[in-house]
């Protein structure tokens, strides 16, 4: 984060006032995006608690912010191996606010922020945990078959991958 903030200060000092040409418009868009990201990251809560099945786990996510942010959503991947109905073992995530177009109307909008993304990810471990419309069908079916064995497998994954 310090690198991004220092880069912005350095770039502003080097470029001075901006002129109106296509190259500087592109640079300005990225610069505005970067400034927006610095502000949003500073507002994030650092340690969000997880409850229920995933309590005690530490899960790492990669958030890639495209140049067209905040008009398009960031791309998010779970880097921690997890047994979860809405996250595949390879890190794909099913969360409607990460989609540009969502059937339920809760997809990405320019008014959303990285804080919304982080809180949405946190909710996948609590109130948005969805066994009825899973991305990881095997995990959801496992939960339906044997809730106690599902809990044991989640705890095993946490011990092995999320400490």
C-alpha atoms as a PDB file:
ATOM      1  CA  UNK A   1       0.000   0.000   0.000  1.00  0.00           C
ATOM      2  CA  UNK A   2       2.809   2.397   0.778  1.00  0.00           C
ATOM      3  CA  UNK A   3       4.153   1.748  -2.681  1.00  0.00           C
ATOM      4  CA  UNK A   4       0.903   2.878  -4.305  1.00  0.00           C
ATOM      5  CA  UNK A   5       0.673   6.029  -2.156  1.00  0.00           C
ATOM      6  CA  UNK A   6       4.332   6.944  -2.842  1.00  0.00           C
ATOM      7  CA  UNK A   7       3.878   6.326  -6.577  1.00  0.00           C
ATOM      8  CA  UNK A   8       0.910   8.693  -6.649  1.00  0.00           C
ATOM      9  CA  UNK A   9       2.858  11.464  -4.899  1.00  0.00           C
ATOM     10  CA  UNK A  10       5.872  10.918  -7.165  1.00  0.00           C
ATOM     11  CA  UNK A  11       3.722  10.885 -10.341  1.00  0.00           C
ATOM     12  CA  UNK A  12       1.870  14.058  -9.347  1.00  0.00           C
ATOM     13  CA  UNK A  13       5.168  15.842  -8.680  1.00  0.00           C
ATOM     14  CA  UNK A  14       6.748  14.730 -11.971  1.00  0.00           C
ATOM     15  CA  UNK A  15       3.808  15.365 -14.305  1.00  0.00           C
ATOM     16  CA  UNK A  16       2.617  18.685 -12.943  1.00  0.00           C
ATOM     17  CA  UNK A  17      -0.602  20.045 -14.468  1.00  0.00           C
ATOM     18  CA  UNK A  18      -2.250  17.703 -16.924  1.00  0.00           C
ATOM     19  CA  UNK A  19      -3.013  18.663 -20.495  1.00  0.00           C
ATOM     20  CA  UNK A  20      -5.956  17.428 -22.493  1.00  0.00           C
ATOM     21  CA  UNK A  21      -4.767  14.698 -24.814  1.00  0.00           C
ATOM     22  CA  UNK A  22      -5.707  10.999 -25.075  1.00  0.00           C
ATOM     23  CA  UNK A  23      -2.574   9.774 -23.296  1.00  0.00           C
ATOM     24  CA  UNK A  24      -3.076  12.029 -20.293  1.00  0.00           C
ATOM     25  CA  UNK A  25      -6.809  11.176 -20.123  1.00  0.00           C
ATOM     26  CA  UNK A  26      -5.825   7.523 -19.808  1.00  0.00           C
ATOM     27  CA  UNK A  27      -3.225   8.379 -17.176  1.00  0.00           C
ATOM     28  CA  UNK A  28      -5.707  10.536 -15.294  1.00  0.00           C
ATOM     29  CA  UNK A  29      -8.257   7.686 -15.194  1.00  0.00           C
ATOM     30  CA  UNK A  30      -5.695   5.324 -13.712  1.00  0.00           C
ATOM     31  CA  UNK A  31      -4.504   8.000 -11.314  1.00  0.00           C
ATOM     32  CA  UNK A  32      -8.047   8.710 -10.125  1.00  0.00           C
ATOM     33  CA  UNK A  33      -8.597   4.950  -9.746  1.00  0.00           C
ATOM     34  CA  UNK A  34      -5.398   4.650  -7.730  1.00  0.00           C
ATOM     35  CA  UNK A  35      -6.363   7.561  -5.481  1.00  0.00           C
ATOM     36  CA  UNK A  36      -9.794   6.022  -4.964  1.00  0.00           C
ATOM     37  CA  UNK A  37      -8.184   2.691  -4.067  1.00  0.00           C
ATOM     38  CA  UNK A  38      -5.822   4.286  -1.544  1.00  0.00           C
ATOM     39  CA  UNK A  39      -8.823   5.890   0.181  1.00  0.00           C
ATOM     40  CA  UNK A  40     -10.888   2.689   0.130  1.00  0.00           C
ATOM     41  CA  UNK A  41      -8.107   0.458   1.419  1.00  0.00           C
ATOM     42  CA  UNK A  42      -7.454   2.890   4.283  1.00  0.00           C
ATOM     43  CA  UNK A  43     -11.108   2.516   5.334  1.00  0.00           C
ATOM     44  CA  UNK A  44     -11.133  -1.296   5.393  1.00  0.00           C
ATOM     45  CA  UNK A  45     -11.467  -3.276   8.567  1.00  0.00           C
ATOM     46  CA  UNK A  46      -8.322  -5.386   8.924  1.00  0.00           C
ATOM     47  CA  UNK A  47      -9.418  -8.418  10.938  1.00  0.00           C
ATOM     48  CA  UNK A  48     -12.938  -9.506  10.173  1.00  0.00           C
ATOM     49  CA  UNK A  49     -14.202 -12.310  12.386  1.00  0.00           C
ATOM     50  CA  UNK A  50     -15.477 -15.547  10.911  1.00  0.00           C
ATOM     51  CA  UNK A  51     -18.229 -17.456  12.666  1.00  0.00           C
ATOM     52  CA  UNK A  52     -19.799 -20.876  12.399  1.00  0.00           C
ATOM     53  CA  UNK A  53     -18.034 -23.557  10.395  1.00  0.00           C
ATOM     54  CA  UNK A  54     -15.088 -21.346   9.442  1.00  0.00           C
ATOM     55  CA  UNK A  55     -14.361 -19.823  12.847  1.00  0.00           C
ATOM     56  CA  UNK A  56     -10.651 -19.636  13.578  1.00  0.00           C
ATOM     57  CA  UNK A  57      -9.570 -19.832   9.927  1.00  0.00           C
ATOM     58  CA  UNK A  58      -7.460 -17.219   8.167  1.00  0.00           C
ATOM     59  CA  UNK A  59      -8.335 -16.957   4.499  1.00  0.00           C
ATOM     60  CA  UNK A  60      -6.324 -15.052   1.942  1.00  0.00           C
ATOM     61  CA  UNK A  61      -7.940 -13.465  -1.114  1.00  0.00           C
ATOM     62  CA  UNK A  62      -6.407 -11.870  -4.173  1.00  0.00           C
ATOM     63  CA  UNK A  63      -8.251  -8.811  -5.424  1.00  0.00           C
ATOM     64  CA  UNK A  64      -7.350  -7.600  -8.911  1.00  0.00           C
ATOM     65  CA  UNK A  65      -8.638  -4.127  -9.602  1.00  0.00           C
ATOM     66  CA  UNK A  66      -9.090  -3.434 -13.347  1.00  0.00           C
ATOM     67  CA  UNK A  67      -8.244  -0.078 -14.932  1.00  0.00           C
ATOM     68  CA  UNK A  68     -11.966   0.551 -15.476  1.00  0.00           C
ATOM     69  CA  UNK A  69     -12.703   0.253 -11.717  1.00  0.00           C
ATOM     70  CA  UNK A  70     -15.240   1.342 -10.342  1.00  0.00           C
ATOM     71  CA  UNK A  71     -17.323   0.946 -13.454  1.00  0.00           C
ATOM     72  CA  UNK A  72     -16.469  -2.779 -13.481  1.00  0.00           C
ATOM     73  CA  UNK A  73     -16.016  -5.036 -10.458  1.00  0.00           C
ATOM     74  CA  UNK A  74     -12.689  -6.258  -9.172  1.00  0.00           C
ATOM     75  CA  UNK A  75     -11.739  -9.878  -9.826  1.00  0.00           C
ATOM     76  CA  UNK A  76     -11.398 -11.882  -6.623  1.00  0.00           C
ATOM     77  CA  UNK A  77      -9.862 -15.278  -5.998  1.00  0.00           C
ATOM     78  CA  UNK A  78      -9.496 -17.228  -2.765  1.00  0.00           C
ATOM     79  CA  UNK A  79      -5.847 -18.238  -2.381  1.00  0.00           C
ATOM     80  CA  UNK A  80      -6.481 -20.438   0.664  1.00  0.00           C
ATOM     81  CA  UNK A  81      -7.698 -23.962  -0.038  1.00  0.00           C
ATOM     82  CA  UNK A  82     -11.148 -24.277   1.497  1.00  0.00           C
ATOM     83  CA  UNK A  83     -14.115 -26.664   1.692  1.00  0.00           C
ATOM     84  CA  UNK A  84     -17.014 -24.317   0.998  1.00  0.00           C
ATOM     85  CA  UNK A  85     -20.196 -24.547  -1.109  1.00  0.00           C
ATOM     86  CA  UNK A  86     -19.669 -21.090  -2.645  1.00  0.00           C
ATOM     87  CA  UNK A  87     -15.896 -21.242  -3.195  1.00  0.00           C
ATOM     88  CA  UNK A  88     -14.199 -23.922  -5.274  1.00  0.00           C
ATOM     89  CA  UNK A  89     -11.012 -25.608  -4.117  1.00  0.00           C
ATOM     90  CA  UNK A  90      -9.231 -23.716  -6.903  1.00  0.00           C
ATOM     91  CA  UNK A  91     -10.421 -20.361  -5.528  1.00  0.00           C
ATOM     92  CA  UNK A  92     -13.331 -19.361  -7.767  1.00  0.00           C
ATOM     93  CA  UNK A  93     -15.966 -17.426  -5.812  1.00  0.00           C
ATOM     94  CA  UNK A  94     -19.725 -17.236  -6.221  1.00  0.00           C
ATOM     95  CA  UNK A  95     -20.739 -13.823  -4.906  1.00  0.00           C
ATOM     96  CA  UNK A  96     -23.320 -11.801  -6.853  1.00  0.00           C
ATOM     97  CA  UNK A  97     -21.785  -8.394  -6.144  1.00  0.00           C
ATOM     98  CA  UNK A  98     -18.655  -9.511  -8.047  1.00  0.00           C
ATOM     99  CA  UNK A  99     -20.709  -9.893 -11.244  1.00  0.00           C
ATOM    100  CA  UNK A 100     -21.275  -6.997 -13.611  1.00  0.00           C
ATOM    101  CA  UNK A 101     -24.756  -8.291 -14.358  1.00  0.00           C
ATOM    102  CA  UNK A 102     -26.652 -10.214 -11.730  1.00  0.00           C
ATOM    103  CA  UNK A 103     -30.094 -11.780 -12.081  1.00  0.00           C
ATOM    104  CA  UNK A 104     -31.058 -10.824  -8.524  1.00  0.00           C
ATOM    105  CA  UNK A 105     -30.111  -7.156  -9.007  1.00  0.00           C
ATOM    106  CA  UNK A 106     -27.343  -7.289  -6.384  1.00  0.00           C
ATOM    107  CA  UNK A 107     -24.463  -7.255  -8.868  1.00  0.00           C
ATOM    108  CA  UNK A 108     -21.717  -4.690  -9.201  1.00  0.00           C
ATOM    109  CA  UNK A 109     -22.588  -0.995  -9.401  1.00  0.00           C
ATOM    110  CA  UNK A 110     -20.226   2.016  -9.576  1.00  0.00           C
ATOM    111  CA  UNK A 111     -21.409   2.999  -6.106  1.00  0.00           C
ATOM    112  CA  UNK A 112     -19.868  -0.153  -4.605  1.00  0.00           C
ATOM    113  CA  UNK A 113     -16.439  -0.086  -2.993  1.00  0.00           C
ATOM    114  CA  UNK A 114     -13.709  -2.495  -1.946  1.00  0.00           C
ATOM    115  CA  UNK A 115     -15.228  -2.384   1.522  1.00  0.00           C
ATOM    116  CA  UNK A 116     -18.426  -3.875   0.043  1.00  0.00           C
ATOM    117  CA  UNK A 117     -16.331  -6.624  -1.553  1.00  0.00           C
ATOM    118  CA  UNK A 118     -14.552  -7.430   1.721  1.00  0.00           C
ATOM    119  CA  UNK A 119     -17.803  -7.459   3.685  1.00  0.00           C
ATOM    120  CA  UNK A 120     -19.401  -9.612   0.966  1.00  0.00           C
ATOM    121  CA  UNK A 121     -16.539 -12.099   1.228  1.00  0.00           C
ATOM    122  CA  UNK A 122     -16.897 -12.098   5.005  1.00  0.00           C
ATOM    123  CA  UNK A 123     -20.628 -12.774   4.615  1.00  0.00           C
ATOM    124  CA  UNK A 124     -19.862 -15.914   2.592  1.00  0.00           C
ATOM    125  CA  UNK A 125     -18.647 -17.351   5.884  1.00  0.00           C
ATOM    126  CA  UNK A 126     -21.778 -16.348   7.817  1.00  0.00           C
ATOM    127  CA  UNK A 127     -25.172 -15.199   6.539  1.00  0.00           C
ATOM    128  CA  UNK A 128     -24.523 -15.610   2.780  1.00  0.00           C
ATOM    129  CA  UNK A 129     -23.280 -19.194   3.111  1.00  0.00           C
ATOM    130  CA  UNK A 130     -25.527 -20.835   0.510  1.00  0.00           C
ATOM    131  CA  UNK A 131     -25.970 -24.602   0.221  1.00  0.00           C
ATOM    132  CA  UNK A 132     -28.989 -24.281  -2.120  1.00  0.00           C
ATOM    133  CA  UNK A 133     -27.204 -22.644  -5.079  1.00  0.00           C
ATOM    134  CA  UNK A 134     -23.607 -23.872  -4.758  1.00  0.00           C
ATOM    135  CA  UNK A 135     -20.559 -23.349  -6.932  1.00  0.00           C
ATOM    136  CA  UNK A 136     -18.859 -26.296  -5.216  1.00  0.00           C
ATOM    137  CA  UNK A 137     -21.647 -28.865  -5.608  1.00  0.00           C
ATOM    138  CA  UNK A 138     -19.662 -31.608  -3.878  1.00  0.00           C
ATOM    139  CA  UNK A 139     -19.281 -29.511  -0.703  1.00  0.00           C
ATOM    140  CA  UNK A 140     -23.009 -28.633  -0.672  1.00  0.00           C
ATOM    141  CA  UNK A 141     -24.044 -32.270  -1.163  1.00  0.00           C
ATOM    142  CA  UNK A 142     -21.595 -33.314   1.557  1.00  0.00           C
ATOM    143  CA  UNK A 143     -23.343 -30.889   3.942  1.00  0.00           C
ATOM    144  CA  UNK A 144     -26.770 -32.300   3.010  1.00  0.00           C
ATOM    145  CA  UNK A 145     -25.597 -35.904   3.521  1.00  0.00           C
ATOM    146  CA  UNK A 146     -23.734 -35.470   6.802  1.00  0.00           C
ATOM    147  CA  UNK A 147     -23.465 -32.108   8.553  1.00  0.00           C
ATOM    148  CA  UNK A 148     -21.089 -33.428  11.218  1.00  0.00           C
ATOM    149  CA  UNK A 149     -18.695 -34.934   8.672  1.00  0.00           C
ATOM    150  CA  UNK A 150     -18.898 -31.682   6.662  1.00  0.00           C
ATOM    151  CA  UNK A 151     -17.901 -29.747   9.801  1.00  0.00           C
ATOM    152  CA  UNK A 152     -15.004 -32.177  10.369  1.00  0.00           C
ATOM    153  CA  UNK A 153     -13.752 -31.695   6.803  1.00  0.00           C
ATOM    154  CA  UNK A 154     -13.982 -27.898   7.112  1.00  0.00           C
ATOM    155  CA  UNK A 155     -12.012 -28.053  10.374  1.00  0.00           C
ATOM    156  CA  UNK A 156      -9.413 -30.310   8.732  1.00  0.00           C
ATOM    157  CA  UNK A 157      -9.009 -27.829   5.847  1.00  0.00           C
ATOM    158  CA  UNK A 158      -8.649 -24.966   8.333  1.00  0.00           C
ATOM    159  CA  UNK A 159      -5.957 -26.851  10.274  1.00  0.00           C
ATOM    160  CA  UNK A 160      -4.093 -27.738   7.073  1.00  0.00           C
ATOM    161  CA  UNK A 161      -4.491 -24.591   4.975  1.00  0.00           C
ATOM    162  CA  UNK A 162      -5.959 -21.671   6.947  1.00  0.00           C
ATOM    163  CA  UNK A 163      -3.765 -21.136  10.009  1.00  0.00           C
END
